[in-house]
C-alpha atoms as a PDB file:
ATOM      1  CA  MET A   1      -9.288  12.008   1.074  1.00  0.00           C
ATOM      2  CA  GLY A   2     -12.043   9.767   2.480  1.00  0.00           C
ATOM      3  CA  LYS A   3     -12.303   8.653   6.117  1.00  0.00           C
ATOM      4  CA  LYS A   4     -10.951   5.197   5.367  1.00  0.00           C
ATOM      5  CA  ALA A   5      -8.073   6.627   3.293  1.00  0.00           C
ATOM      6  CA  ALA A   6      -7.263   9.181   6.026  1.00  0.00           C
ATOM      7  CA  ARG A   7      -6.897   6.343   8.506  1.00  0.00           C
ATOM      8  CA  ASN A   8      -4.577   4.478   6.145  1.00  0.00           C
ATOM      9  CA  ILE A   9      -2.245   7.438   5.714  1.00  0.00           C
ATOM     10  CA  ARG A  10      -0.568   6.346   8.959  1.00  0.00           C
ATOM     11  CA  HIS A  11       0.742   3.108   7.488  1.00  0.00           C
ATOM     12  CA  ASN A  12       2.015   2.196   4.033  1.00  0.00           C
ATOM     13  CA  THR A  13       0.136  -0.906   2.958  1.00  0.00           C
ATOM     14  CA  SER A  14       1.424  -3.808   0.897  1.00  0.00           C
ATOM     15  CA  ALA A  15       1.003  -4.351  -2.826  1.00  0.00           C
ATOM     16  CA  THR A  16      -2.360  -5.548  -4.110  1.00  0.00           C
ATOM     17  CA  ALA A  17      -2.635  -9.299  -3.696  1.00  0.00           C
ATOM     18  CA  PRO A  18      -3.797 -11.533  -6.532  1.00  0.00           C
ATOM     19  CA  GLY A  19      -7.517 -12.052  -6.379  1.00  0.00           C
ATOM     20  CA  SER A  20      -8.192  -8.694  -4.721  1.00  0.00           C
ATOM     21  CA  PRO A  21     -10.188  -5.954  -6.502  1.00  0.00           C
ATOM     22  CA  GLY A  22      -8.182  -4.584  -9.412  1.00  0.00           C
ATOM     23  CA  ALA A  23      -5.739  -7.516  -9.443  1.00  0.00           C
ATOM     24  CA  ALA A  24      -7.779  -9.905 -11.616  1.00  0.00           C
ATOM     25  CA  ASP A  25      -5.905 -11.456 -14.514  1.00  0.00           C
ATOM     26  CA  THR A  26      -2.537 -10.850 -12.833  1.00  0.00           C
ATOM     27  CA  VAL A  27      -0.046 -13.510 -11.799  1.00  0.00           C
ATOM     28  CA  PRO A  28       2.095 -13.260  -8.626  1.00  0.00           C
ATOM     29  CA  VAL A  29       5.784 -12.656  -9.130  1.00  0.00           C
ATOM     30  CA  VAL A  30       7.909 -15.633  -8.030  1.00  0.00           C
ATOM     31  CA  GLY A  31      11.471 -16.830  -8.568  1.00  0.00           C
ATOM     32  CA  GLY A  32      12.401 -17.456 -12.177  1.00  0.00           C
ATOM     33  CA  ARG A  33      13.006 -21.205 -11.584  1.00  0.00           C
ATOM     34  CA  GLU A  34       9.813 -21.750  -9.614  1.00  0.00           C
ATOM     35  CA  PRO A  35       6.631 -23.155 -11.223  1.00  0.00           C
ATOM     36  CA  CYS A  36       4.532 -20.370 -12.721  1.00  0.00           C
ATOM     37  CA  PRO A  37       1.539 -19.637 -10.452  1.00  0.00           C
ATOM     38  CA  CYS A  38      -0.769 -19.655 -13.479  1.00  0.00           C
ATOM     39  CA  GLY A  39      -0.668 -23.463 -13.414  1.00  0.00           C
ATOM     40  CA  SER A  40       0.902 -23.975 -16.833  1.00  0.00           C
ATOM     41  CA  GLY A  41       3.494 -26.354 -15.438  1.00  0.00           C
ATOM     42  CA  ARG A  42       6.361 -24.277 -16.847  1.00  0.00           C
ATOM     43  CA  ARG A  43       8.925 -22.322 -14.889  1.00  0.00           C
ATOM     44  CA  TYR A  44       7.964 -18.699 -14.206  1.00  0.00           C
ATOM     45  CA  LYS A  45      10.805 -17.258 -16.298  1.00  0.00           C
ATOM     46  CA  ALA A  46       9.607 -19.257 -19.322  1.00  0.00           C
ATOM     47  CA  CYS A  47       5.934 -18.355 -18.821  1.00  0.00           C
ATOM     48  CA  HIS A  48       4.480 -15.159 -17.331  1.00  0.00           C
ATOM     49  CA  GLY A  49       7.913 -14.026 -16.181  1.00  0.00           C
ATOM     50  CA  ARG A  50       8.977 -13.642 -19.784  1.00  0.00           C
ATOM     51  CA  ASP A  51       6.074 -11.276 -20.541  1.00  0.00           C
ATOM     52  CA  ALA A  52       6.759  -9.327 -17.360  1.00  0.00           C
ATOM     53  CA  ALA A  53      10.437  -8.911 -18.255  1.00  0.00           C
ATOM     54  CA  VAL A  54       9.588  -7.667 -21.749  1.00  0.00           C
ATOM     55  CA  ALA A  55       7.016  -5.209 -20.396  1.00  0.00           C
ATOM     56  CA  ALA A  56       9.421  -3.871 -17.810  1.00  0.00           C
ATOM     57  CA  ASP A  57      12.295  -3.441 -20.242  1.00  0.00           C
ATOM     58  CA  THR A  58      10.368  -1.981 -23.180  1.00  0.00           C
ATOM     59  CA  LEU A  59      10.572   1.785 -22.763  1.00  0.00           C
ATOM     60  CA  VAL A  60       7.905   3.970 -24.332  1.00  0.00           C
ATOM     61  CA  GLN A  61       9.835   7.152 -25.068  1.00  0.00           C
ATOM     62  CA  ARG A  62       6.793   9.452 -25.138  1.00  0.00           C
ATOM     63  CA  PRO A  63       4.148   7.877 -22.892  1.00  0.00           C
ATOM     64  CA  PHE A  64       1.924  10.971 -22.952  1.00  0.00           C
ATOM     65  CA  GLU A  65       1.958  11.420 -26.720  1.00  0.00           C
ATOM     66  CA  GLY A  66      -1.598  11.772 -28.022  1.00  0.00           C
ATOM     67  CA  LEU A  67      -2.924  13.247 -24.774  1.00  0.00           C
ATOM     68  CA  PRO A  68      -3.960  16.910 -24.787  1.00  0.00           C
ATOM     69  CA  ASN A  69      -1.269  19.241 -23.447  1.00  0.00           C
ATOM     70  CA  GLU A  70       1.429  16.560 -23.521  1.00  0.00           C
ATOM     71  CA  CYS A  71       4.010  19.096 -22.303  1.00  0.00           C
ATOM     72  CA  ASP A  72       2.050  19.810 -19.141  1.00  0.00           C
ATOM     73  CA  TRP A  73       1.745  16.062 -18.448  1.00  0.00           C
ATOM     74  CA  VAL A  74       5.551  15.920 -18.549  1.00  0.00           C
ATOM     75  CA  ALA A  75       5.855  18.986 -16.326  1.00  0.00           C
ATOM     76  CA  MET A  76       3.474  17.583 -13.706  1.00  0.00           C
ATOM     77  CA  ARG A  77       5.356  14.280 -13.768  1.00  0.00           C
ATOM     78  CA  GLU A  78       8.870  15.752 -13.452  1.00  0.00           C
ATOM     79  CA  LEU A  79       8.898  19.438 -12.473  1.00  0.00           C
ATOM     80  CA  VAL A  80       5.948  20.576 -10.376  1.00  0.00           C
ATOM     81  CA  PRO A  81       5.667  19.707  -6.668  1.00  0.00           C
ATOM     82  CA  ALA A  82       1.952  20.374  -6.093  1.00  0.00           C
ATOM     83  CA  ALA A  83      -0.571  20.648  -8.895  1.00  0.00           C
ATOM     84  CA  THR A  84      -3.875  19.158 -10.005  1.00  0.00           C
ATOM     85  CA  ALA A  85      -5.918  18.969 -13.194  1.00  0.00           C
ATOM     86  CA  SER A  86      -9.389  17.600 -13.907  1.00  0.00           C
ATOM     87  CA  LEU A  87      -9.621  14.607 -16.239  1.00  0.00           C
ATOM     88  CA  THR A  88     -12.620  13.458 -18.237  1.00  0.00           C
ATOM     89  CA  LEU A  89     -13.141   9.755 -18.739  1.00  0.00           C
ATOM     90  CA  ALA A  90     -14.328   8.360 -22.032  1.00  0.00           C
ATOM     91  CA  GLY A  91     -17.446   6.216 -22.317  1.00  0.00           C
ATOM     92  CA  ALA A  92     -19.886   5.263 -19.593  1.00  0.00           C
ATOM     93  CA  GLU A  93     -17.808   6.680 -16.733  1.00  0.00           C
ATOM     94  CA  ALA A  94     -17.563  10.166 -18.266  1.00  0.00           C
ATOM     95  CA  ALA A  95     -19.539  11.791 -15.457  1.00  0.00           C
ATOM     96  CA  ARG A  96     -17.282  10.444 -12.677  1.00  0.00           C
ATOM     97  CA  PRO A  97     -15.004  13.147 -11.273  1.00  0.00           C
ATOM     98  CA  VAL A  98     -11.330  12.267 -11.758  1.00  0.00           C
ATOM     99  CA  THR A  99      -8.442  14.488 -10.706  1.00  0.00           C
ATOM    100  CA  LEU A 100      -4.848  14.159 -11.795  1.00  0.00           C
ATOM    101  CA  ALA A 101      -2.430  15.070  -8.985  1.00  0.00           C
ATOM    102  CA  THR A 102       1.319  15.411  -8.989  1.00  0.00           C
ATOM    103  CA  VAL A 103       1.641  13.258  -5.886  1.00  0.00           C
ATOM    104  CA  LEU A 104      -0.647  11.655  -3.308  1.00  0.00           C
ATOM    105  CA  PRO A 105      -0.045  10.731   0.353  1.00  0.00           C
ATOM    106  CA  MET A 106       2.266   7.751   0.884  1.00  0.00           C
ATOM    107  CA  ALA A 107       3.010   7.913  -2.873  1.00  0.00           C
ATOM    108  CA  TRP A 108      -0.282   6.082  -3.507  1.00  0.00           C
ATOM    109  CA  PRO A 109      -0.858   5.528  -7.221  1.00  0.00           C
ATOM    110  CA  ALA A 110      -4.524   6.479  -6.762  1.00  0.00           C
ATOM    111  CA  LEU A 111      -7.162   7.248  -4.206  1.00  0.00           C
ATOM    112  CA  ARG A 112     -10.935   6.831  -4.282  1.00  0.00           C
ATOM    113  CA  ARG A 113     -12.614   9.256  -1.911  1.00  0.00           C
ATOM    114  CA  ASP A 114     -15.761   8.552   0.106  1.00  0.00           C
ATOM    115  CA  THR A 115     -17.616  10.586  -2.505  1.00  0.00           C
ATOM    116  CA  GLY A 116     -16.494   8.329  -5.368  1.00  0.00           C
ATOM    117  CA  GLU A 117     -14.133  10.986  -6.741  1.00  0.00           C
ATOM    118  CA  ILE A 118     -10.867   9.463  -7.989  1.00  0.00           C
ATOM    119  CA  LEU A 119      -7.429  11.021  -7.640  1.00  0.00           C
ATOM    120  CA  ILE A 120      -4.552   9.696  -9.748  1.00  0.00           C
ATOM    121  CA  GLY A 121      -0.978  10.300  -8.598  1.00  0.00           C
ATOM    122  CA  LEU A 122       1.394  11.110 -11.457  1.00  0.00           C
ATOM    123  CA  GLN A 123       4.705  11.117  -9.580  1.00  0.00           C
ATOM    124  CA  THR A 124       4.676   7.476  -8.564  1.00  0.00           C
ATOM    125  CA  HIS A 125       7.067   4.603  -9.120  1.00  0.00           C
ATOM    126  CA  THR A 126       6.077   2.826 -12.320  1.00  0.00           C
ATOM    127  CA  SER A 127       6.696  -0.853 -12.804  1.00  0.00           C
ATOM    128  CA  SER A 128       6.798  -1.132 -16.576  1.00  0.00           C
ATOM    129  CA  GLY A 129       8.417   0.824 -19.363  1.00  0.00           C
ATOM    130  CA  ASP A 130       5.148   2.521 -20.254  1.00  0.00           C
ATOM    131  CA  VAL A 131       4.109   5.195 -17.760  1.00  0.00           C
ATOM    132  CA  SER A 132       0.767   5.594 -19.513  1.00  0.00           C
ATOM    133  CA  ARG A 133      -0.062   1.885 -19.101  1.00  0.00           C
ATOM    134  CA  ASP A 134       0.931   1.963 -15.419  1.00  0.00           C
ATOM    135  CA  LEU A 135      -1.229   5.025 -14.725  1.00  0.00           C
ATOM    136  CA  ALA A 136      -4.129   3.493 -16.635  1.00  0.00           C
ATOM    137  CA  ASP A 137      -3.832   0.386 -14.487  1.00  0.00           C
ATOM    138  CA  SER A 138      -4.057   2.516 -11.322  1.00  0.00           C
ATOM    139  CA  LEU A 139      -7.091   4.284 -12.741  1.00  0.00           C
ATOM    140  CA  GLU A 140      -8.795   0.996 -13.598  1.00  0.00           C
ATOM    141  CA  ARG A 141      -8.145  -0.339 -10.105  1.00  0.00           C
ATOM    142  CA  ALA A 142      -9.582   2.828  -8.589  1.00  0.00           C
ATOM    143  CA  LEU A 143     -12.706   2.515 -10.719  1.00  0.00           C
ATOM    144  CA  ALA A 144     -13.194  -1.020  -9.379  1.00  0.00           C
ATOM    145  CA  ALA A 145     -12.464  -0.120  -5.732  1.00  0.00           C
ATOM    146  CA  GLU A 146     -14.849   0.761  -2.948  1.00  0.00           C
ATOM    147  CA  ASP A 147     -15.389   4.385  -1.915  1.00  0.00           C
ATOM    148  CA  GLY A 148     -12.868   5.606   0.635  1.00  0.00           C
ATOM    149  CA  THR A 149     -10.078   3.335  -0.562  1.00  0.00           C
ATOM    150  CA  PRO A 150      -6.418   4.191  -1.323  1.00  0.00           C
ATOM    151  CA  ILE A 151      -4.918   2.240  -4.254  1.00  0.00           C
ATOM    152  CA  THR A 152      -1.548   0.841  -3.268  1.00  0.00           C
ATOM    153  CA  PRO A 153       1.265  -0.232  -5.607  1.00  0.00           C
ATOM    154  CA  GLY A 154       0.415  -3.458  -7.400  1.00  0.00           C
ATOM    155  CA  PRO A 155       2.200  -6.047  -9.527  1.00  0.00           C
ATOM    156  CA  LEU A 156       3.454  -5.386 -13.015  1.00  0.00           C
ATOM    157  CA  PRO A 157       0.332  -4.723 -15.113  1.00  0.00           C
ATOM    158  CA  GLY A 158      -0.182  -6.967 -18.110  1.00  0.00           C
ATOM    159  CA  PRO A 159      -1.093  -5.710 -21.572  1.00  0.00           C
ATOM    160  CA  GLY A 160      -4.138  -3.493 -21.454  1.00  0.00           C
ATOM    161  CA  ALA A 161      -5.535   0.002 -21.813  1.00  0.00           C
ATOM    162  CA  ARG A 162      -3.395   3.098 -21.690  1.00  0.00           C
ATOM    163  CA  LEU A 163      -4.479   6.583 -20.594  1.00  0.00           C
ATOM    164  CA  GLN A 164      -5.089   7.413 -24.225  1.00  0.00           C
ATOM    165  CA  ASP A 165      -7.752   4.676 -24.262  1.00  0.00           C
ATOM    166  CA  LEU A 166      -9.490   5.639 -21.020  1.00  0.00           C
ATOM    167  CA  LEU A 167      -9.568   9.440 -21.213  1.00  0.00           C
ATOM    168  CA  ASP A 168     -11.505  11.838 -23.406  1.00  0.00           C
ATOM    169  CA  VAL A 169      -8.580  13.185 -25.410  1.00  0.00           C
ATOM    170  CA  SER A 170     -10.639  16.084 -26.715  1.00  0.00           C
ATOM    171  CA  ALA A 171     -10.702  17.674 -23.217  1.00  0.00           C
ATOM    172  CA  PRO A 172      -7.729  19.992 -22.574  1.00  0.00           C
ATOM    173  CA  LEU A 173      -5.561  19.572 -19.471  1.00  0.00           C
ATOM    174  CA  GLU A 174      -5.935  22.716 -17.357  1.00  0.00           C
ATOM    175  CA  VAL A 175      -3.289  22.694 -14.649  1.00  0.00           C
ATOM    176  CA  THR A 176      -3.817  24.339 -11.268  1.00  0.00           C
ATOM    177  CA  VAL A 177      -0.556  24.855  -9.338  1.00  0.00           C
ATOM    178  CA  HIS A 178      -0.917  24.818  -5.557  1.00  0.00           C
ATOM    179  CA  THR A 179       1.284  26.254  -2.848  1.00  0.00           C
ATOM    180  CA  GLY A 180       0.996  23.001  -0.899  1.00  0.00           C
ATOM    181  CA  PHE A 181      -0.803  19.689  -0.640  1.00  0.00           C
ATOM    182  CA  ASP A 182      -4.066  20.629   1.057  1.00  0.00           C
ATOM    183  CA  PHE A 183      -5.879  19.050  -1.887  1.00  0.00           C
ATOM    184  CA  TRP A 184      -4.993  15.674  -0.359  1.00  0.00           C
ATOM    185  CA  VAL A 185      -7.904  16.008   2.056  1.00  0.00           C
ATOM    186  CA  GLU A 186     -11.418  17.331   1.587  1.00  0.00           C
ATOM    187  CA  ASP A 187     -11.094  19.735   4.527  1.00  0.00           C
ATOM    188  CA  ALA A 188      -7.463  20.588   5.298  1.00  0.00           C
ATOM    189  CA  ASP A 189      -8.454  22.867   8.200  1.00  0.00           C
ATOM    190  CA  ALA A 190     -10.156  19.920   9.951  1.00  0.00           C
ATOM    191  CA  ALA A 191      -7.160  17.579   9.610  1.00  0.00           C
ATOM    192  CA  THR A 192      -5.720  16.383  12.909  1.00  0.00           C
ATOM    193  CA  GLY A 193      -3.094  13.980  14.247  1.00  0.00           C
ATOM    194  CA  ASP A 194      -0.868  12.133  11.783  1.00  0.00           C
ATOM    195  CA  VAL A 195      -2.784  13.477   8.783  1.00  0.00           C
ATOM    196  CA  ALA A 196      -2.199  17.086   9.826  1.00  0.00           C
ATOM    197  CA  ALA A 197       1.461  16.352  10.605  1.00  0.00           C
ATOM    198  CA  SER A 198       1.980  14.704   7.217  1.00  0.00           C
ATOM    199  CA  LEU A 199       0.410  17.682   5.476  1.00  0.00           C
ATOM    200  CA  GLU A 200       2.538  20.118   7.421  1.00  0.00           C
ATOM    201  CA  ARG A 201       5.760  18.282   6.463  1.00  0.00           C
ATOM    202  CA  ALA A 202       4.774  18.063   2.788  1.00  0.00           C
ATOM    203  CA  ASN A 203       3.745  21.712   2.587  1.00  0.00           C
ATOM    204  CA  ALA A 204       6.965  22.861   4.208  1.00  0.00           C
ATOM    205  CA  ALA A 205       9.035  21.011   1.588  1.00  0.00           C
ATOM    206  CA  ALA A 206       7.106  22.275  -1.471  1.00  0.00           C
ATOM    207  CA  THR A 207       9.126  24.480  -3.810  1.00  0.00           C
ATOM    208  CA  PRO A 208       7.229  27.674  -4.728  1.00  0.00           C
ATOM    209  CA  THR A 209       6.167  27.172  -8.359  1.00  0.00           C
ATOM    210  CA  ALA A 210       3.978  28.955 -10.892  1.00  0.00           C
ATOM    211  CA  ARG A 211       2.842  28.173 -14.424  1.00  0.00           C
ATOM    212  CA  LEU A 212       3.280  31.059 -16.830  1.00  0.00           C
ATOM    213  CA  THR A 213       0.213  32.310 -18.677  1.00  0.00           C
ATOM    214  CA  SER A 214       1.964  33.975 -21.631  1.00  0.00           C
ATOM    215  CA  VAL A 215       3.357  30.727 -23.056  1.00  0.00           C
ATOM    216  CA  ASP A 216       2.520  27.022 -22.765  1.00  0.00           C
ATOM    217  CA  ALA A 217       4.068  24.559 -20.272  1.00  0.00           C
ATOM    218  CA  ALA A 218       6.638  26.969 -18.810  1.00  0.00           C
ATOM    219  CA  TYR A 219       7.085  26.793 -15.032  1.00  0.00           C
ATOM    220  CA  TRP A 220       8.837  29.301 -12.803  1.00  0.00           C
ATOM    221  CA  CYS A 221      10.178  28.054  -9.491  1.00  0.00           C
ATOM    222  CA  SER A 222      11.996  29.677  -6.589  1.00  0.00           C
ATOM    223  CA  MET A 223      15.056  28.115  -5.065  1.00  0.00           C
ATOM    224  CA  ARG A 224      17.175  29.254  -2.147  1.00  0.00           C
ATOM    225  CA  GLU A 225      19.781  31.233  -4.081  1.00  0.00           C
ATOM    226  CA  LYS A 226      18.137  31.806  -7.475  1.00  0.00           C
ATOM    227  CA  ASN A 227      14.974  31.211  -9.418  1.00  0.00           C
ATOM    228  CA  HIS A 228      14.549  29.108 -12.555  1.00  0.00           C
ATOM    229  CA  LEU A 229      12.317  28.788 -15.557  1.00  0.00           C
ATOM    230  CA  ARG A 230      11.847  25.262 -16.917  1.00  0.00           C
ATOM    231  CA  TRP A 231       9.916  25.104 -20.159  1.00  0.00           C
ATOM    232  CA  VAL A 232       8.703  21.832 -21.695  1.00  0.00           C
ATOM    233  CA  MET A 233       8.629  22.204 -25.466  1.00  0.00           C
ATOM    234  CA  PRO A 234       6.855  19.990 -28.053  1.00  0.00           C
ATOM    235  CA  HIS A 235       9.212  20.545 -31.021  1.00  0.00           C
ATOM    236  CA  PRO A 236      11.317  17.732 -32.522  1.00  0.00           C
ATOM    237  CA  GLU A 237      14.554  17.639 -30.561  1.00  0.00           C
ATOM    238  CA  GLU A 238      17.051  18.109 -33.394  1.00  0.00           C
ATOM    239  CA  GLN A 239      15.075  21.032 -34.829  1.00  0.00           C
ATOM    240  CA  LEU A 240      14.729  22.634 -31.422  1.00  0.00           C
ATOM    241  CA  LEU A 241      18.445  22.269 -30.616  1.00  0.00           C
ATOM    242  CA  ASP A 242      19.324  23.931 -33.932  1.00  0.00           C
ATOM    243  CA  ALA A 243      16.915  26.786 -33.218  1.00  0.00           C
ATOM    244  CA  ILE A 244      18.228  27.409 -29.714  1.00  0.00           C
ATOM    245  CA  ALA A 245      21.821  27.168 -30.965  1.00  0.00           C
ATOM    246  CA  ARG A 246      21.121  29.946 -33.491  1.00  0.00           C
ATOM    247  CA  LEU A 247      19.729  32.145 -30.704  1.00  0.00           C
ATOM    248  CA  HIS A 248      22.553  31.291 -28.282  1.00  0.00           C
ATOM    249  CA  ALA A 249      25.203  32.128 -30.857  1.00  0.00           C
ATOM    250  CA  ALA A 250      23.500  35.480 -31.410  1.00  0.00           C
ATOM    251  CA  ASP A 251      23.347  36.198 -27.676  1.00  0.00           C
ATOM    252  CA  ALA A 252      19.555  36.026 -27.891  1.00  0.00           C
ATOM    253  CA  SER A 253      18.873  33.010 -25.696  1.00  0.00           C
ATOM    254  CA  SER A 254      18.492  34.785 -22.367  1.00  0.00           C
ATOM    255  CA  LEU A 255      15.312  36.191 -20.823  1.00  0.00           C
ATOM    256  CA  GLY A 256      16.749  39.618 -20.018  1.00  0.00           C
ATOM    257  CA  ASP A 257      19.292  41.183 -17.661  1.00  0.00           C
ATOM    258  CA  GLY A 258      20.633  38.830 -15.051  1.00  0.00           C
ATOM    259  CA  THR A 259      19.154  35.721 -16.665  1.00  0.00           C
ATOM    260  CA  ARG A 260      21.053  32.922 -18.334  1.00  0.00           C
ATOM    261  CA  PHE A 261      20.125  29.997 -20.518  1.00  0.00           C
ATOM    262  CA  VAL A 262      21.907  27.071 -18.827  1.00  0.00           C
ATOM    263  CA  GLY A 263      20.976  24.068 -20.959  1.00  0.00           C
ATOM    264  CA  SER A 264      18.222  21.501 -21.175  1.00  0.00           C
ATOM    265  CA  PHE A 265      17.187  18.039 -20.136  1.00  0.00           C
ATOM    266  CA  ARG A 266      15.144  15.367 -21.811  1.00  0.00           C
ATOM    267  CA  ALA A 267      12.031  14.010 -20.117  1.00  0.00           C
ATOM    268  CA  HIS A 268       9.584  11.492 -21.601  1.00  0.00           C
ATOM    269  CA  GLY A 269      10.820  12.205 -25.094  1.00  0.00           C
ATOM    270  CA  LEU A 270      10.572  15.984 -24.929  1.00  0.00           C
ATOM    271  CA  LEU A 271      13.257  18.638 -24.425  1.00  0.00           C
ATOM    272  CA  VAL A 272      13.047  20.976 -21.416  1.00  0.00           C
ATOM    273  CA  PRO A 273      15.174  24.138 -21.740  1.00  0.00           C
ATOM    274  CA  VAL A 274      16.185  25.740 -18.416  1.00  0.00           C
ATOM    275  CA  TRP A 275      17.083  29.320 -17.477  1.00  0.00           C
ATOM    276  CA  ASP A 276      18.649  30.698 -14.297  1.00  0.00           C
ATOM    277  CA  LEU A 277      16.855  33.810 -13.074  1.00  0.00           C
ATOM    278  CA  PRO A 278      17.799  36.379 -10.416  1.00  0.00           C
ATOM    279  CA  ALA A 279      16.372  35.623  -6.982  1.00  0.00           C
ATOM    280  CA  GLY A 280      14.172  38.709  -7.152  1.00  0.00           C
ATOM    281  CA  MET A 281      12.633  37.833 -10.550  1.00  0.00           C
ATOM    282  CA  THR A 282       9.063  36.642  -9.985  1.00  0.00           C
ATOM    283  CA  ALA A 283       6.835  34.619 -12.249  1.00  0.00           C
ATOM    284  CA  ASP A 284       5.036  37.830 -13.287  1.00  0.00           C
ATOM    285  CA  ASP A 285       8.389  39.419 -14.166  1.00  0.00           C
ATOM    286  CA  VAL A 286       9.293  36.600 -16.557  1.00  0.00           C
ATOM    287  CA  GLU A 287       5.960  36.554 -18.451  1.00  0.00           C
ATOM    288  CA  LYS A 288       6.882  39.209 -21.015  1.00  0.00           C
ATOM    289  CA  PRO A 289      10.503  38.022 -21.595  1.00  0.00           C
ATOM    290  CA  ALA A 290       9.210  34.478 -22.105  1.00  0.00           C
ATOM    291  CA  ALA A 291       6.631  35.618 -24.660  1.00  0.00           C
ATOM    292  CA  GLU A 292       9.352  37.583 -26.507  1.00  0.00           C
ATOM    293  CA  PHE A 293      11.630  34.551 -26.497  1.00  0.00           C
ATOM    294  CA  ALA A 294       8.781  32.476 -27.939  1.00  0.00           C
ATOM    295  CA  VAL A 295       8.640  34.849 -30.899  1.00  0.00           C
ATOM    296  CA  ARG A 296      12.422  34.618 -31.449  1.00  0.00           C
ATOM    297  CA  LEU A 297      12.279  30.857 -31.143  1.00  0.00           C
ATOM    298  CA  ALA A 298       9.498  30.556 -33.701  1.00  0.00           C
ATOM    299  CA  GLU A 299      11.542  32.590 -36.169  1.00  0.00           C
ATOM    300  CA  SER A 300      14.604  30.446 -35.488  1.00  0.00           C
ATOM    301  CA  LEU A 301      12.615  27.225 -35.891  1.00  0.00           C
ATOM    302  CA  ALA A 302      11.495  28.435 -39.319  1.00  0.00           C
ATOM    303  CA  ASP A 303      15.131  28.963 -40.407  1.00  0.00           C
ATOM    304  CA  THR A 304      16.220  25.873 -42.354  1.00  0.00           C
ATOM    305  CA  THR A 305      19.641  27.060 -43.422  1.00  0.00           C
ATOM    306  CA  ALA A 306      22.740  25.119 -42.342  1.00  0.00           C
ATOM    307  CA  LEU A 307      24.282  26.133 -39.033  1.00  0.00           C
ATOM    308  CA  THR A 308      27.342  28.389 -39.187  1.00  0.00           C
ATOM    309  CA  PRO A 309      30.552  27.294 -37.430  1.00  0.00           C
ATOM    310  CA  ARG A 310      29.689  29.576 -34.477  1.00  0.00           C
ATOM    311  CA  GLN A 311      26.175  28.104 -34.290  1.00  0.00           C
ATOM    312  CA  ARG A 312      27.514  24.518 -34.490  1.00  0.00           C
ATOM    313  CA  SER A 313      29.875  25.323 -31.641  1.00  0.00           C
ATOM    314  CA  ALA A 314      26.982  26.665 -29.611  1.00  0.00           C
ATOM    315  CA  ARG A 315      24.978  23.514 -30.399  1.00  0.00           C
ATOM    316  CA  ASN A 316      27.808  21.273 -29.239  1.00  0.00           C
ATOM    317  CA  GLY A 317      27.933  23.232 -25.995  1.00  0.00           C
ATOM    318  CA  LEU A 318      24.205  22.685 -25.518  1.00  0.00           C
ATOM    319  CA  LEU A 319      24.600  18.941 -26.033  1.00  0.00           C
ATOM    320  CA  ASN A 320      27.380  18.777 -23.472  1.00  0.00           C
ATOM    321  CA  ARG A 321      25.027  20.250 -20.860  1.00  0.00           C
ATOM    322  CA  GLN A 322      22.060  18.009 -21.694  1.00  0.00           C
ATOM    323  CA  ILE A 323      20.874  15.235 -19.425  1.00  0.00           C
ATOM    324  CA  THR A 324      18.086  12.667 -19.646  1.00  0.00           C
ATOM    325  CA  LEU A 325      15.750  12.110 -16.708  1.00  0.00           C
ATOM    326  CA  ASN A 326      14.087   8.978 -18.072  1.00  0.00           C
END
């Protein structure tokens, strides 16, 4: 965090005003019956308000589709408290350092450090139905900002670039999970005052989390009474549910003694199976069972035969325990 940004951590600032850096080509939001600020002479709801309503209501089911390691994008957005990953921009800005972060101070959408490095916050409130477009808008505003500037929430972004347009999609996303949020500042040990207090509160609330190395996009976390494994999977939902139902019906869906497959949830168009683990089961302990489950799952995914009555019953049970986060 730059000096200017560190000062601003004490107060949440207002949304970007029209005409400020990064807000060009946007129109202020006004009442639906008021004249549109663009000067067209029409009411807002019949002019730019109509486009804004459509953009807000149109949900992109898989906003991270087409990005490398889509499952890890989903995990960082929904599951992981503190993590970062380096991003590579496409085109002329390719050399600029950009870091994807789960969350930034004050829930800022982005931050431009004194050094020119840009941090993008993934767990932020998004104003449209396309998370990728919202994040791209934050990135574009950070690119246009001065060094040492936090990017605050802005108005509904109009049509424009998505992350898939701004990033080098050939560069893999390599996630680093942190124990806390010291990455917010360039020197956490030197933080004082409100900045140090904010860091201390955030670090105390962070759930211990680790990304498994034996399989992709599987995250262990430690809760008060038990641990969990939450595993974002890329397979088509219907096919994946059939495969897990076959394993569940055969008593092969657990990760070993004391573990239990408890269901799944849907996030950004992908299914996330969840297991309860004993409190003493560490991330290292679950590496081998997860790898063995991945082998069983691959075999089950390859099975195209119709489900048996027992398997259909298991599948119905899985559906009854499924929720959608977005």
